[in-house]
């Protein structure tokens, strides 16, 4: 008796195309090998991107210097005019009272320093037991949780790294790189604030979002330290205060 019956099909057009596809693939690989000549074809793209990022940082630094110089020039001219014109002096005084809360003035006072850092790898380079690569790095949500808690505690001023935060500041992360006001930073991330250190600590302890982060600190060894500082010096906000969409309401 014959064995189990098998289903047979007539040869399809694909069968005839297999040798052609294989030949084309071989020619493509050979051409790629000769073009690369032993190098990574994408290496040039990576190098070019790094160069573009560096060039963009240089442009940004130059623009910030130019902005600072123009702001200083405007301030000097305003001071000169205010010394001779009472109306200008009154307007300047009103503007200065608002600039304090807007972040346009450097401040000093007692406060806290908060450091967030990626978890260290084991000596053999492995991750903690049960951890994924994503678990052992600081995320945007971690930084935002801390900053929001500090503001909620009534801090007078807050900065991340060397950047003063204002109402329109946005904290963004790509991987474990922090993007803030046109600059990039790598961990550890340092948040400094002027305010009541006891109130800040209490708000950090009460925040549900910070609690999620602290659980990751315990599970995976992420860095999280809060230190009281008798004197914190925060720079003035150095960016533009121009609104992109909003305008002043009449009245």
Protein backbone atom coordinates (compact mmCIF):
# COMPACT_ATOMS: atom_id res chain seq x y z
CA UNK A 1 0.00 0.00 0.00
CA UNK A 2 1.23 3.39 -0.85
CA UNK A 3 2.10 5.76 1.91
CA UNK A 4 0.09 8.76 2.97
CA UNK A 5 -1.10 10.78 0.12
CA UNK A 6 0.68 14.08 -0.45
CA UNK A 7 -0.59 17.13 -2.23
CA UNK A 8 1.34 18.09 -5.33
CA UNK A 9 1.25 21.47 -7.03
CA UNK A 10 2.26 22.57 -10.45
CA UNK A 11 5.47 24.59 -10.55
CA UNK A 12 4.72 28.27 -10.06
CA UNK A 13 6.35 31.30 -11.58
CA UNK A 14 8.06 31.97 -8.21
CA UNK A 15 10.13 28.82 -8.59
CA UNK A 16 11.59 30.13 -11.82
CA UNK A 17 12.34 33.50 -10.21
CA UNK A 18 14.32 32.09 -7.26
CA UNK A 19 17.64 31.77 -9.18
CA UNK A 20 17.20 35.27 -10.58
CA UNK A 21 16.60 36.76 -7.12
CA UNK A 22 19.60 34.91 -5.70
CA UNK A 23 21.82 36.21 -8.49
CA UNK A 24 20.61 39.77 -7.97
CA UNK A 25 21.22 39.52 -4.22
CA UNK A 26 24.75 38.26 -4.82
CA UNK A 27 25.51 41.16 -7.14
CA UNK A 28 24.11 43.60 -4.57
CA UNK A 29 26.26 42.21 -1.76
CA UNK A 30 29.35 42.27 -3.96
CA UNK A 31 28.73 45.88 -4.96
CA UNK A 32 28.14 46.87 -1.33
CA UNK A 33 31.37 45.18 -0.27
CA UNK A 34 33.40 46.98 -2.91
CA UNK A 35 31.79 50.31 -2.08
CA UNK A 36 32.42 49.96 1.64
CA UNK A 37 35.97 48.64 1.14
CA UNK A 38 36.00 47.16 4.59
CA UNK A 39 34.34 50.11 6.31
CA UNK A 40 30.87 50.72 7.74
CA UNK A 41 28.64 52.28 5.12
CA UNK A 42 26.69 54.05 7.87
CA UNK A 43 29.75 55.38 9.63
CA UNK A 44 29.76 58.52 7.52
CA UNK A 45 26.16 59.23 8.44
CA UNK A 46 26.92 58.86 12.15
CA UNK A 47 29.96 61.12 11.90
CA UNK A 48 27.99 63.68 9.92
CA UNK A 49 25.18 63.70 12.51
CA UNK A 50 27.65 64.17 15.36
CA UNK A 51 29.25 67.05 13.49
CA UNK A 52 25.85 68.66 12.89
CA UNK A 53 24.98 68.38 16.58
CA UNK A 54 28.29 69.96 17.56
CA UNK A 55 27.83 72.75 15.04
CA UNK A 56 24.31 73.40 16.29
CA UNK A 57 25.57 73.65 19.87
CA UNK A 58 28.17 76.20 18.77
CA UNK A 59 25.50 78.24 16.98
CA UNK A 60 23.26 78.13 20.05
CA UNK A 61 26.10 79.24 22.33
CA UNK A 62 26.83 82.16 20.02
CA UNK A 63 23.18 83.18 19.94
CA UNK A 64 22.98 83.05 23.73
CA UNK A 65 26.02 85.32 24.01
CA UNK A 66 24.49 87.72 21.50
CA UNK A 67 21.19 87.72 23.39
CA UNK A 68 22.95 88.41 26.69
CA UNK A 69 24.87 91.31 25.14
CA UNK A 70 21.69 92.82 23.69
CA UNK A 71 19.84 92.42 26.98
CA UNK A 72 22.69 94.17 28.79
CA UNK A 73 22.62 96.98 26.22
CA UNK A 74 18.86 97.43 26.60
CA UNK A 75 19.22 97.46 30.39
CA UNK A 76 21.94 100.11 30.25
CA UNK A 77 19.88 102.34 27.96
CA UNK A 78 16.81 101.87 30.14
CA UNK A 79 18.76 102.79 33.28
CA UNK A 80 20.10 105.88 31.56
CA UNK A 81 16.66 107.01 30.42
CA UNK A 82 15.10 106.22 33.81
CA UNK A 83 17.56 108.54 35.52
CA UNK A 84 16.19 111.42 33.44
CA UNK A 85 12.52 110.51 33.01
CA UNK A 86 10.16 109.83 35.90
CA UNK A 87 7.67 107.92 33.77
CA UNK A 88 10.37 105.58 32.52
CA UNK A 89 11.64 105.12 36.08
CA UNK A 90 8.15 104.15 37.26
CA UNK A 91 7.72 101.70 34.39
CA UNK A 92 11.14 100.22 35.10
CA UNK A 93 10.27 99.70 38.77
CA UNK A 94 7.04 97.93 37.81
CA UNK A 95 8.91 95.74 35.37
CA UNK A 96 11.56 94.82 37.92
CA UNK A 97 8.93 93.69 40.41
CA UNK A 98 7.58 91.28 37.82
CA UNK A 99 10.99 90.11 36.64
CA UNK A 100 11.66 88.59 40.07
CA UNK A 101 8.87 86.05 39.76
CA UNK A 102 9.48 85.61 36.03
CA UNK A 103 12.97 84.27 36.63
CA UNK A 104 14.77 87.18 35.00
CA UNK A 105 16.81 87.93 38.13
CA UNK A 106 19.52 85.78 39.70
CA UNK A 107 18.59 84.66 43.22
CA UNK A 108 20.36 83.35 46.29
CA UNK A 109 18.98 81.70 49.40
CA UNK A 110 18.77 78.48 51.35
CA UNK A 111 17.32 75.44 49.68
CA UNK A 112 18.07 71.95 48.45
CA UNK A 113 20.08 70.07 45.87
CA UNK A 114 18.55 66.91 44.39
CA UNK A 115 20.60 64.47 42.33
CA UNK A 116 19.13 61.79 40.05
CA UNK A 117 21.45 59.27 38.41
CA UNK A 118 21.41 56.05 36.41
CA UNK A 119 22.00 52.82 38.28
CA UNK A 120 25.59 51.56 38.20
CA UNK A 121 26.28 48.34 36.35
CA UNK A 122 27.68 45.33 38.12
CA UNK A 123 31.44 44.70 37.87
CA UNK A 124 30.82 42.25 35.03
CA UNK A 125 28.64 44.77 33.20
CA UNK A 126 25.40 42.89 33.80
CA UNK A 127 22.11 44.40 34.91
CA UNK A 128 20.50 43.85 38.32
CA UNK A 129 18.43 40.69 38.55
CA UNK A 130 15.13 41.08 36.74
CA UNK A 131 16.02 44.50 35.32
CA UNK A 132 15.72 45.61 31.72
CA UNK A 133 18.03 48.25 30.21
CA UNK A 134 15.15 50.71 30.41
CA UNK A 135 14.80 50.14 34.16
CA UNK A 136 18.25 51.36 35.14
CA UNK A 137 18.22 54.83 33.54
CA UNK A 138 16.61 58.08 34.63
CA UNK A 139 13.50 58.96 32.65
CA UNK A 140 11.78 62.21 31.79
CA UNK A 141 8.94 61.30 34.14
CA UNK A 142 11.41 60.96 37.04
CA UNK A 143 12.82 64.45 36.53
CA UNK A 144 9.37 65.94 36.01
CA UNK A 145 8.04 64.29 39.17
CA UNK A 146 10.83 65.80 41.26
CA UNK A 147 10.53 69.26 39.70
CA UNK A 148 6.74 69.30 40.09
CA UNK A 149 7.04 68.32 43.75
CA UNK A 150 9.58 71.07 44.38
CA UNK A 151 7.29 73.68 42.81
CA UNK A 152 4.33 72.30 44.77
CA UNK A 153 6.33 72.81 47.96
CA UNK A 154 6.43 76.54 47.27
CA UNK A 155 10.00 76.91 46.03
CA UNK A 156 10.89 80.45 44.97
CA UNK A 157 13.18 79.33 42.15
CA UNK A 158 14.25 76.06 40.52
CA UNK A 159 17.03 75.09 38.13
CA UNK A 160 18.13 71.91 36.40
CA UNK A 161 21.87 71.73 35.85
CA UNK A 162 22.80 75.33 34.96
CA UNK A 163 19.40 76.23 33.47
CA UNK A 164 16.89 78.31 35.41
CA UNK A 165 13.32 77.08 34.93
CA UNK A 166 10.43 79.40 34.13
CA UNK A 167 6.73 78.84 33.46
CA UNK A 168 7.31 77.83 29.84
CA UNK A 169 10.30 75.55 30.44
CA UNK A 170 9.82 72.01 29.12
CA UNK A 171 11.75 68.99 30.38
CA UNK A 172 12.27 66.39 27.66
CA UNK A 173 14.44 63.30 27.47
CA UNK A 174 15.66 61.24 24.51
CA UNK A 175 16.93 58.00 25.93
CA UNK A 176 18.81 59.12 29.01
CA UNK A 177 19.82 62.49 27.55
CA UNK A 178 18.02 65.54 28.91
CA UNK A 179 16.95 68.25 26.46
CA UNK A 180 16.38 71.58 28.15
CA UNK A 181 16.09 74.98 26.50
CA UNK A 182 18.21 74.01 23.51
CA UNK A 183 20.95 72.22 25.43
CA UNK A 184 21.63 68.55 26.12
CA UNK A 185 22.73 67.02 29.42
CA UNK A 186 23.71 63.54 30.53
CA UNK A 187 23.16 62.09 34.02
CA UNK A 188 23.60 62.68 36.84
CA UNK A 189 20.89 65.33 36.69
CA UNK A 190 21.05 68.00 39.40
CA UNK A 191 17.94 69.91 40.46
CA UNK A 192 18.56 72.90 42.72
CA UNK A 193 15.86 74.94 44.39
CA UNK A 194 15.55 77.90 46.72
CA UNK A 195 12.88 77.32 49.33
CA UNK A 196 11.96 75.66 52.62
CA UNK A 197 13.94 72.42 52.64
CA UNK A 198 11.58 70.74 55.11
CA UNK A 199 8.56 71.56 52.94
CA UNK A 200 10.35 70.30 49.83
CA UNK A 201 11.28 67.02 51.52
CA UNK A 202 7.71 66.59 52.74
CA UNK A 203 6.30 67.17 49.26
CA UNK A 204 8.77 64.73 47.72
CA UNK A 205 7.63 62.12 50.24
CA UNK A 206 3.94 62.83 49.53
CA UNK A 207 4.12 62.81 45.73
CA UNK A 208 2.72 59.61 44.14
CA UNK A 209 4.89 60.18 41.07
CA UNK A 210 8.04 60.48 43.15
CA UNK A 211 6.98 57.33 45.02
CA UNK A 212 7.01 55.41 41.73
CA UNK A 213 10.53 56.66 41.07
CA UNK A 214 11.68 55.81 44.60
CA UNK A 215 10.41 52.27 44.14
CA UNK A 216 12.68 51.97 41.10
CA UNK A 217 15.50 53.39 43.21
CA UNK A 218 15.01 50.56 45.70
CA UNK A 219 14.55 47.86 43.07
CA UNK A 220 17.32 48.74 40.63
CA UNK A 221 19.77 51.00 42.48
CA UNK A 222 19.03 54.28 40.72
CA UNK A 223 20.68 57.29 42.32
CA UNK A 224 18.47 59.68 44.30
CA UNK A 225 19.84 62.05 46.91
CA UNK A 226 18.34 65.14 48.56
CA UNK A 227 20.72 67.49 50.37
CA UNK A 228 19.99 70.68 52.27
CA UNK A 229 22.03 73.67 51.14
CA UNK A 230 22.50 76.75 53.35
CA UNK A 231 23.21 78.85 50.27
CA UNK A 232 21.93 78.17 46.77
CA UNK A 233 22.84 80.48 43.89
CA UNK A 234 20.58 80.29 40.84
CA UNK A 235 21.30 82.25 37.66
CA UNK A 236 18.73 84.36 35.87
CA UNK A 237 16.90 82.77 32.98
CA UNK A 238 19.00 83.47 29.89
CA UNK A 239 16.54 82.61 27.14
CA UNK A 240 13.85 84.59 25.39
CA UNK A 241 10.60 85.48 27.13
CA UNK A 242 8.73 85.93 23.85
CA UNK A 243 5.48 84.01 23.59
CA UNK A 244 4.95 81.94 20.46
CA UNK A 245 1.16 81.78 20.56
CA UNK A 246 -0.12 83.92 23.44
CA UNK A 247 -0.65 87.67 23.46
CA UNK A 248 -1.54 90.02 26.31
CA UNK A 249 -5.28 90.33 26.87
CA UNK A 250 -6.77 93.81 26.61
CA UNK A 251 -7.53 95.47 29.92
